[in-house]
Amino acid sequence: MHIDKIDDPRALKDMIVFMEKGLTLVALVEGMLRSAVMSGIHSIDLSLIIAPALHEYIRGMLVEAGIEFKEGFKEDDPDDGIDYDRDKEKALAMLRNLGEDEDLDPPTEEVEEVKEEEPMMGLMARRQ
């Protein structure tokens, strides 16, 4: 059932987008399985049994497609600094491309002063 959903071209495109945005493979598989449990398709026990097979199936598809992704295991943590630097460079390049046509200076706005309200003096007002 899960494999049929993954093989759907629209679902595959969405999955690739999520993986490129930084969602880990473990989080994707857990989300799919939780959704199926909540919908009553299968039990939590069955989710624990099929999770490794589903993980490997999706991983194989992503590797074959040449998509960069994070597995989501603790061993992936040392590369987070490298991933951050790579993502930072991509973002800066996107901003430079965007800034060629537009002025990217932040707008200057005047800040209004906020007046303190006078304390309430009614019958039900709290004392300070």
N, C-alpha and C. Protein backbone atom coordinates (compact mmCIF):
# COMPACT_ATOMS: atom_id res chain seq x y z
N MET A 1 0.81 -1.19 0.00
CA MET A 1 0.00 0.00 0.00
C MET A 1 0.86 1.27 0.00
N HIS A 2 1.85 1.31 0.89
CA HIS A 2 2.73 2.48 0.94
C HIS A 2 3.56 2.57 -0.34
N ILE A 3 4.00 1.45 -0.85
CA ILE A 3 4.81 1.44 -2.07
C ILE A 3 3.99 1.97 -3.24
N ASP A 4 2.71 1.62 -3.30
CA ASP A 4 1.85 2.12 -4.38
C ASP A 4 1.74 3.65 -4.32
N LYS A 5 1.63 4.19 -3.11
CA LYS A 5 1.54 5.65 -2.96
C LYS A 5 2.85 6.32 -3.37
N ILE A 6 3.95 5.73 -3.00
CA ILE A 6 5.26 6.31 -3.32
C ILE A 6 5.51 6.29 -4.83
N ASP A 7 5.03 5.27 -5.51
CA ASP A 7 5.25 5.15 -6.95
C ASP A 7 4.41 6.13 -7.76
N ASP A 8 3.44 6.78 -7.13
CA ASP A 8 2.64 7.80 -7.82
C ASP A 8 3.55 8.98 -8.16
N PRO A 9 3.58 9.43 -9.43
CA PRO A 9 4.50 10.52 -9.82
C PRO A 9 4.33 11.81 -9.01
N ARG A 10 3.08 12.16 -8.68
CA ARG A 10 2.87 13.40 -7.90
C ARG A 10 3.44 13.25 -6.50
N ALA A 11 3.21 12.10 -5.89
CA ALA A 11 3.74 11.86 -4.54
C ALA A 11 5.26 11.84 -4.56
N LEU A 12 5.83 11.27 -5.60
CA LEU A 12 7.28 11.21 -5.73
C LEU A 12 7.88 12.61 -5.85
N LYS A 13 7.24 13.47 -6.64
CA LYS A 13 7.72 14.85 -6.78
C LYS A 13 7.66 15.58 -5.44
N ASP A 14 6.56 15.42 -4.72
CA ASP A 14 6.43 16.06 -3.41
C ASP A 14 7.49 15.56 -2.44
N MET A 15 7.73 14.26 -2.46
CA MET A 15 8.72 13.67 -1.58
C MET A 15 10.11 14.22 -1.89
N ILE A 16 10.43 14.36 -3.15
CA ILE A 16 11.74 14.90 -3.54
C ILE A 16 11.89 16.34 -3.09
N VAL A 17 10.83 17.13 -3.21
CA VAL A 17 10.88 18.52 -2.77
C VAL A 17 11.14 18.59 -1.27
N PHE A 18 10.43 17.77 -0.50
CA PHE A 18 10.63 17.77 0.95
C PHE A 18 12.05 17.36 1.32
N MET A 19 12.58 16.38 0.62
CA MET A 19 13.93 15.92 0.92
C MET A 19 14.96 16.99 0.56
N GLU A 20 14.74 17.70 -0.54
CA GLU A 20 15.67 18.77 -0.92
C GLU A 20 15.60 19.94 0.05
N LYS A 21 14.45 20.13 0.69
CA LYS A 21 14.28 21.22 1.66
C LYS A 21 14.88 20.90 3.02
N GLY A 22 15.35 19.65 3.21
CA GLY A 22 16.03 19.31 4.45
C GLY A 22 15.31 18.32 5.34
N LEU A 23 14.16 17.81 4.93
CA LEU A 23 13.48 16.80 5.72
C LEU A 23 14.30 15.52 5.69
N THR A 24 14.47 14.90 6.83
CA THR A 24 15.26 13.66 6.86
C THR A 24 14.41 12.49 6.40
N LEU A 25 15.09 11.47 5.94
CA LEU A 25 14.40 10.27 5.46
C LEU A 25 13.66 9.58 6.60
N VAL A 26 14.27 9.57 7.78
CA VAL A 26 13.62 8.96 8.95
C VAL A 26 12.31 9.69 9.26
N ALA A 27 12.34 11.03 9.23
CA ALA A 27 11.13 11.81 9.52
C ALA A 27 10.05 11.57 8.47
N LEU A 28 10.44 11.43 7.22
CA LEU A 28 9.48 11.17 6.15
C LEU A 28 8.79 9.82 6.34
N VAL A 29 9.58 8.78 6.61
CA VAL A 29 9.02 7.45 6.80
C VAL A 29 8.13 7.42 8.03
N GLU A 30 8.59 8.02 9.13
CA GLU A 30 7.77 8.05 10.35
C GLU A 30 6.46 8.79 10.12
N GLY A 31 6.51 9.88 9.38
CA GLY A 31 5.30 10.62 9.09
C GLY A 31 4.31 9.81 8.26
N MET A 32 4.82 9.11 7.26
CA MET A 32 3.95 8.27 6.43
C MET A 32 3.29 7.18 7.27
N LEU A 33 4.07 6.55 8.12
CA LEU A 33 3.55 5.46 8.93
C LEU A 33 2.58 5.95 10.00
N ARG A 34 2.88 7.09 10.61
CA ARG A 34 1.95 7.66 11.61
C ARG A 34 0.61 8.01 10.97
N SER A 35 0.67 8.56 9.78
CA SER A 35 -0.55 8.91 9.07
C SER A 35 -1.40 7.67 8.80
N ALA A 36 -0.75 6.59 8.42
CA ALA A 36 -1.49 5.36 8.15
C ALA A 36 -2.09 4.78 9.44
N VAL A 37 -1.37 4.90 10.54
CA VAL A 37 -1.90 4.42 11.82
C VAL A 37 -3.09 5.27 12.24
N MET A 38 -2.98 6.57 12.09
CA MET A 38 -4.09 7.46 12.47
C MET A 38 -5.30 7.24 11.59
N SER A 39 -5.10 6.85 10.35
CA SER A 39 -6.21 6.60 9.44
C SER A 39 -6.81 5.21 9.64
N GLY A 40 -6.19 4.40 10.47
CA GLY A 40 -6.69 3.06 10.74
C GLY A 40 -6.30 2.04 9.69
N ILE A 41 -5.33 2.37 8.86
CA ILE A 41 -4.90 1.44 7.81
C ILE A 41 -4.14 0.26 8.41
N HIS A 42 -3.28 0.53 9.38
CA HIS A 42 -2.58 -0.55 10.08
C HIS A 42 -2.23 -0.10 11.49
N SER A 43 -1.71 -1.02 12.28
CA SER A 43 -1.39 -0.74 13.68
C SER A 43 0.03 -0.22 13.83
N ILE A 44 0.33 0.23 15.04
CA ILE A 44 1.68 0.72 15.35
C ILE A 44 2.68 -0.43 15.22
N ASP A 45 2.27 -1.62 15.64
CA ASP A 45 3.16 -2.78 15.56
C ASP A 45 3.59 -3.04 14.12
N LEU A 46 2.64 -2.97 13.22
CA LEU A 46 2.96 -3.19 11.81
C LEU A 46 3.87 -2.08 11.28
N SER A 47 3.68 -0.87 11.77
CA SER A 47 4.55 0.24 11.37
C SER A 47 6.00 -0.04 11.73
N LEU A 48 6.20 -0.56 12.92
CA LEU A 48 7.57 -0.88 13.35
C LEU A 48 8.18 -1.99 12.51
N ILE A 49 7.35 -2.89 12.02
CA ILE A 49 7.85 -3.99 11.21
C ILE A 49 8.22 -3.52 9.80
N ILE A 50 7.38 -2.67 9.19
CA ILE A 50 7.62 -2.28 7.80
C ILE A 50 8.49 -1.05 7.63
N ALA A 51 8.79 -0.33 8.72
CA ALA A 51 9.58 0.90 8.63
C ALA A 51 10.94 0.69 7.96
N PRO A 52 11.73 -0.32 8.34
CA PRO A 52 13.04 -0.49 7.68
C PRO A 52 12.92 -0.76 6.18
N ALA A 53 11.94 -1.57 5.79
CA ALA A 53 11.78 -1.88 4.36
C ALA A 53 11.36 -0.64 3.57
N LEU A 54 10.46 0.13 4.14
CA LEU A 54 10.01 1.37 3.47
C LEU A 54 11.16 2.37 3.39
N HIS A 55 11.94 2.46 4.45
CA HIS A 55 13.10 3.36 4.49
C HIS A 55 14.08 3.01 3.37
N GLU A 56 14.40 1.74 3.24
CA GLU A 56 15.36 1.31 2.22
C GLU A 56 14.79 1.49 0.81
N TYR A 57 13.51 1.28 0.63
CA TYR A 57 12.90 1.46 -0.69
C TYR A 57 12.99 2.93 -1.13
N ILE A 58 12.62 3.83 -0.22
CA ILE A 58 12.67 5.26 -0.55
C ILE A 58 14.12 5.70 -0.74
N ARG A 59 15.01 5.21 0.12
CA ARG A 59 16.43 5.56 0.01
C ARG A 59 16.98 5.15 -1.36
N GLY A 60 16.64 3.95 -1.80
CA GLY A 60 17.09 3.48 -3.11
C GLY A 60 16.57 4.36 -4.24
N MET A 61 15.34 4.79 -4.13
CA MET A 61 14.77 5.67 -5.17
C MET A 61 15.50 7.01 -5.20
N LEU A 62 15.79 7.58 -4.01
CA LEU A 62 16.47 8.87 -3.95
C LEU A 62 17.90 8.78 -4.46
N VAL A 63 18.59 7.71 -4.11
CA VAL A 63 19.96 7.52 -4.58
C VAL A 63 19.98 7.37 -6.09
N GLU A 64 19.04 6.58 -6.61
CA GLU A 64 18.96 6.37 -8.05
C GLU A 64 18.65 7.66 -8.80
N ALA A 65 17.83 8.52 -8.18
CA ALA A 65 17.47 9.79 -8.80
C ALA A 65 18.57 10.85 -8.63
N GLY A 66 19.56 10.57 -7.79
CA GLY A 66 20.65 11.52 -7.58
C GLY A 66 20.27 12.68 -6.67
N ILE A 67 19.32 12.47 -5.79
CA ILE A 67 18.86 13.52 -4.88
C ILE A 67 19.71 13.49 -3.61
N GLU A 68 20.18 14.68 -3.19
CA GLU A 68 20.91 14.77 -1.93
C GLU A 68 19.90 14.79 -0.81
N PHE A 69 20.15 13.97 0.22
CA PHE A 69 19.23 13.91 1.34
C PHE A 69 19.97 13.49 2.60
N LYS A 70 19.33 13.71 3.73
CA LYS A 70 19.88 13.30 5.01
C LYS A 70 19.10 12.08 5.48
N GLU A 71 19.82 11.10 5.98
CA GLU A 71 19.17 9.89 6.49
C GLU A 71 18.37 10.21 7.74
N GLY A 72 18.95 11.02 8.62
CA GLY A 72 18.26 11.35 9.86
C GLY A 72 18.75 10.58 11.06
N PHE A 73 19.83 9.82 10.89
CA PHE A 73 20.42 9.10 12.00
C PHE A 73 21.44 10.00 12.68
N LYS A 74 21.82 9.68 13.89
CA LYS A 74 22.75 10.52 14.66
C LYS A 74 24.13 10.61 14.02
N GLU A 75 24.48 9.64 13.21
CA GLU A 75 25.78 9.67 12.54
C GLU A 75 25.87 10.80 11.52
N ASP A 76 24.72 11.34 11.10
CA ASP A 76 24.71 12.41 10.11
C ASP A 76 25.08 13.76 10.71
N ASP A 77 25.08 13.89 12.04
CA ASP A 77 25.28 15.17 12.69
C ASP A 77 26.61 15.86 12.38
N PRO A 78 27.76 15.17 12.27
CA PRO A 78 29.01 15.88 12.00
C PRO A 78 29.00 16.68 10.69
N ASP A 79 28.21 16.30 9.73
CA ASP A 79 28.17 17.02 8.46
C ASP A 79 27.22 18.21 8.47
N ASP A 80 26.53 18.43 9.59
CA ASP A 80 25.57 19.52 9.63
C ASP A 80 26.22 20.88 9.38
N GLY A 81 27.45 21.07 9.84
CA GLY A 81 28.14 22.33 9.60
C GLY A 81 28.41 22.53 8.12
N ILE A 82 28.77 21.48 7.43
CA ILE A 82 29.03 21.55 5.99
C ILE A 82 27.72 21.84 5.26
N ASP A 83 26.65 21.16 5.67
CA ASP A 83 25.35 21.40 5.04
C ASP A 83 24.90 22.83 5.26
N TYR A 84 25.14 23.36 6.45
CA TYR A 84 24.76 24.74 6.74
C TYR A 84 25.52 25.70 5.83
N ASP A 85 26.82 25.49 5.69
CA ASP A 85 27.62 26.36 4.83
C ASP A 85 27.15 26.27 3.38
N ARG A 86 26.85 25.05 2.91
CA ARG A 86 26.37 24.87 1.54
C ARG A 86 25.03 25.58 1.33
N ASP A 87 24.12 25.42 2.29
CA ASP A 87 22.81 26.06 2.18
C ASP A 87 22.94 27.58 2.26
N LYS A 88 23.86 28.06 3.07
CA LYS A 88 24.09 29.50 3.19
C LYS A 88 24.58 30.07 1.86
N GLU A 89 25.49 29.37 1.22
CA GLU A 89 26.00 29.82 -0.08
C GLU A 89 24.90 29.81 -1.14
N LYS A 90 24.04 28.79 -1.13
CA LYS A 90 22.93 28.75 -2.07
C LYS A 90 21.99 29.93 -1.85
N ALA A 91 21.71 30.22 -0.58
CA ALA A 91 20.81 31.33 -0.27
C ALA A 91 21.41 32.67 -0.69
N LEU A 92 22.70 32.85 -0.45
CA LEU A 92 23.35 34.09 -0.86
C LEU A 92 23.34 34.25 -2.38
N ALA A 93 23.56 33.15 -3.09
CA ALA A 93 23.53 33.20 -4.56
C ALA A 93 22.13 33.57 -5.04
N MET A 94 21.12 33.01 -4.40
CA MET A 94 19.74 33.34 -4.78
C MET A 94 19.45 34.82 -4.52
N LEU A 95 19.93 35.33 -3.39
CA LEU A 95 19.71 36.74 -3.07
C LEU A 95 20.44 37.66 -4.05
N ARG A 96 21.65 37.24 -4.44
CA ARG A 96 22.38 38.05 -5.42
C ARG A 96 21.63 38.10 -6.75
N ASN A 97 21.11 36.96 -7.18
CA ASN A 97 20.34 36.91 -8.43
C ASN A 97 19.08 37.75 -8.32
N LEU A 98 18.45 37.71 -7.18
CA LEU A 98 17.25 38.50 -6.97
C LEU A 98 17.58 39.98 -6.91
N GLY A 99 18.73 40.29 -6.30
CA GLY A 99 19.11 41.68 -6.10
C GLY A 99 19.59 42.39 -7.35
N GLU A 100 19.83 41.68 -8.43
CA GLU A 100 20.28 42.33 -9.66
C GLU A 100 19.23 43.29 -10.20
N ASP A 101 17.97 42.96 -10.01
CA ASP A 101 16.89 43.78 -10.53
C ASP A 101 16.29 44.71 -9.48
N GLU A 102 16.47 44.37 -8.22
CA GLU A 102 15.82 45.12 -7.16
C GLU A 102 16.85 45.63 -6.17
N ASP A 103 16.46 46.68 -5.45
CA ASP A 103 17.28 47.22 -4.39
C ASP A 103 16.97 46.45 -3.11
N LEU A 104 17.99 45.84 -2.49
CA LEU A 104 17.75 45.00 -1.33
C LEU A 104 18.00 45.71 0.00
N ASP A 105 18.16 47.02 -0.02
CA ASP A 105 18.36 47.74 1.24
C ASP A 105 17.10 47.63 2.08
N PRO A 106 17.27 47.40 3.38
CA PRO A 106 16.08 47.28 4.22
C PRO A 106 15.37 48.63 4.33
N PRO A 107 14.06 48.62 4.34
CA PRO A 107 13.33 49.88 4.45
C PRO A 107 13.52 50.50 5.82
N THR A 108 13.61 51.81 5.84
CA THR A 108 13.73 52.50 7.12
C THR A 108 12.35 52.97 7.53
N GLU A 109 11.96 52.60 8.73
CA GLU A 109 10.66 52.97 9.23
C GLU A 109 10.83 53.68 10.56
N GLU A 110 9.97 54.63 10.80
CA GLU A 110 10.00 55.31 12.08
C GLU A 110 9.25 54.47 13.10
N VAL A 111 9.83 54.40 14.27
CA VAL A 111 9.22 53.61 15.33
C VAL A 111 8.37 54.53 16.20
N GLU A 112 7.12 54.14 16.37
CA GLU A 112 6.23 54.95 17.20
C GLU A 112 6.45 54.60 18.66
N GLU A 113 6.39 55.62 19.51
CA GLU A 113 6.53 55.38 20.92
C GLU A 113 5.20 54.89 21.48
N VAL A 114 5.29 53.91 22.36
CA VAL A 114 4.09 53.35 22.96
C VAL A 114 3.88 54.02 24.31
N LYS A 115 2.69 54.59 24.49
CA LYS A 115 2.38 55.23 25.77
C LYS A 115 1.85 54.17 26.72
N GLU A 116 2.26 54.30 27.98
CA GLU A 116 1.74 53.38 28.98
C GLU A 116 0.31 53.80 29.31
N GLU A 117 -0.54 52.80 29.41
CA GLU A 117 -1.91 53.09 29.75
C GLU A 117 -2.02 53.35 31.24
N GLU A 118 -2.94 54.25 31.59
CA GLU A 118 -3.16 54.54 33.00
C GLU A 118 -3.87 53.36 33.63
N PRO A 119 -3.55 53.05 34.88
CA PRO A 119 -4.18 51.92 35.53
C PRO A 119 -5.69 52.12 35.69
N MET A 120 -6.41 51.03 35.59
CA MET A 120 -7.86 51.06 35.74
C MET A 120 -8.22 51.33 37.20
N MET A 121 -9.26 52.06 37.40
CA MET A 121 -9.67 52.38 38.77
C MET A 121 -11.10 51.95 39.03
N GLY A 122 -11.62 51.01 38.25
CA GLY A 122 -13.01 50.59 38.43
C GLY A 122 -13.18 49.66 39.63
N LEU A 123 -14.39 49.23 39.85
CA LEU A 123 -14.74 48.38 40.97
C LEU A 123 -14.03 47.02 40.89
N MET A 124 -13.90 46.47 39.70
CA MET A 124 -13.32 45.14 39.52
C MET A 124 -11.84 45.17 39.11
N ALA A 125 -11.25 46.35 39.05
CA ALA A 125 -9.84 46.47 38.63
C ALA A 125 -8.92 45.89 39.71
N ARG A 126 -7.83 45.30 39.26
CA ARG A 126 -6.87 44.74 40.20
C ARG A 126 -5.98 45.85 40.74
N ARG A 127 -5.58 45.69 41.97
CA ARG A 127 -4.68 46.67 42.57
C ARG A 127 -3.25 46.34 42.19
N GLN A 128 -2.43 47.34 42.08
CA GLN A 128 -1.03 47.12 41.71
C GLN A 128 -0.09 47.36 42.82
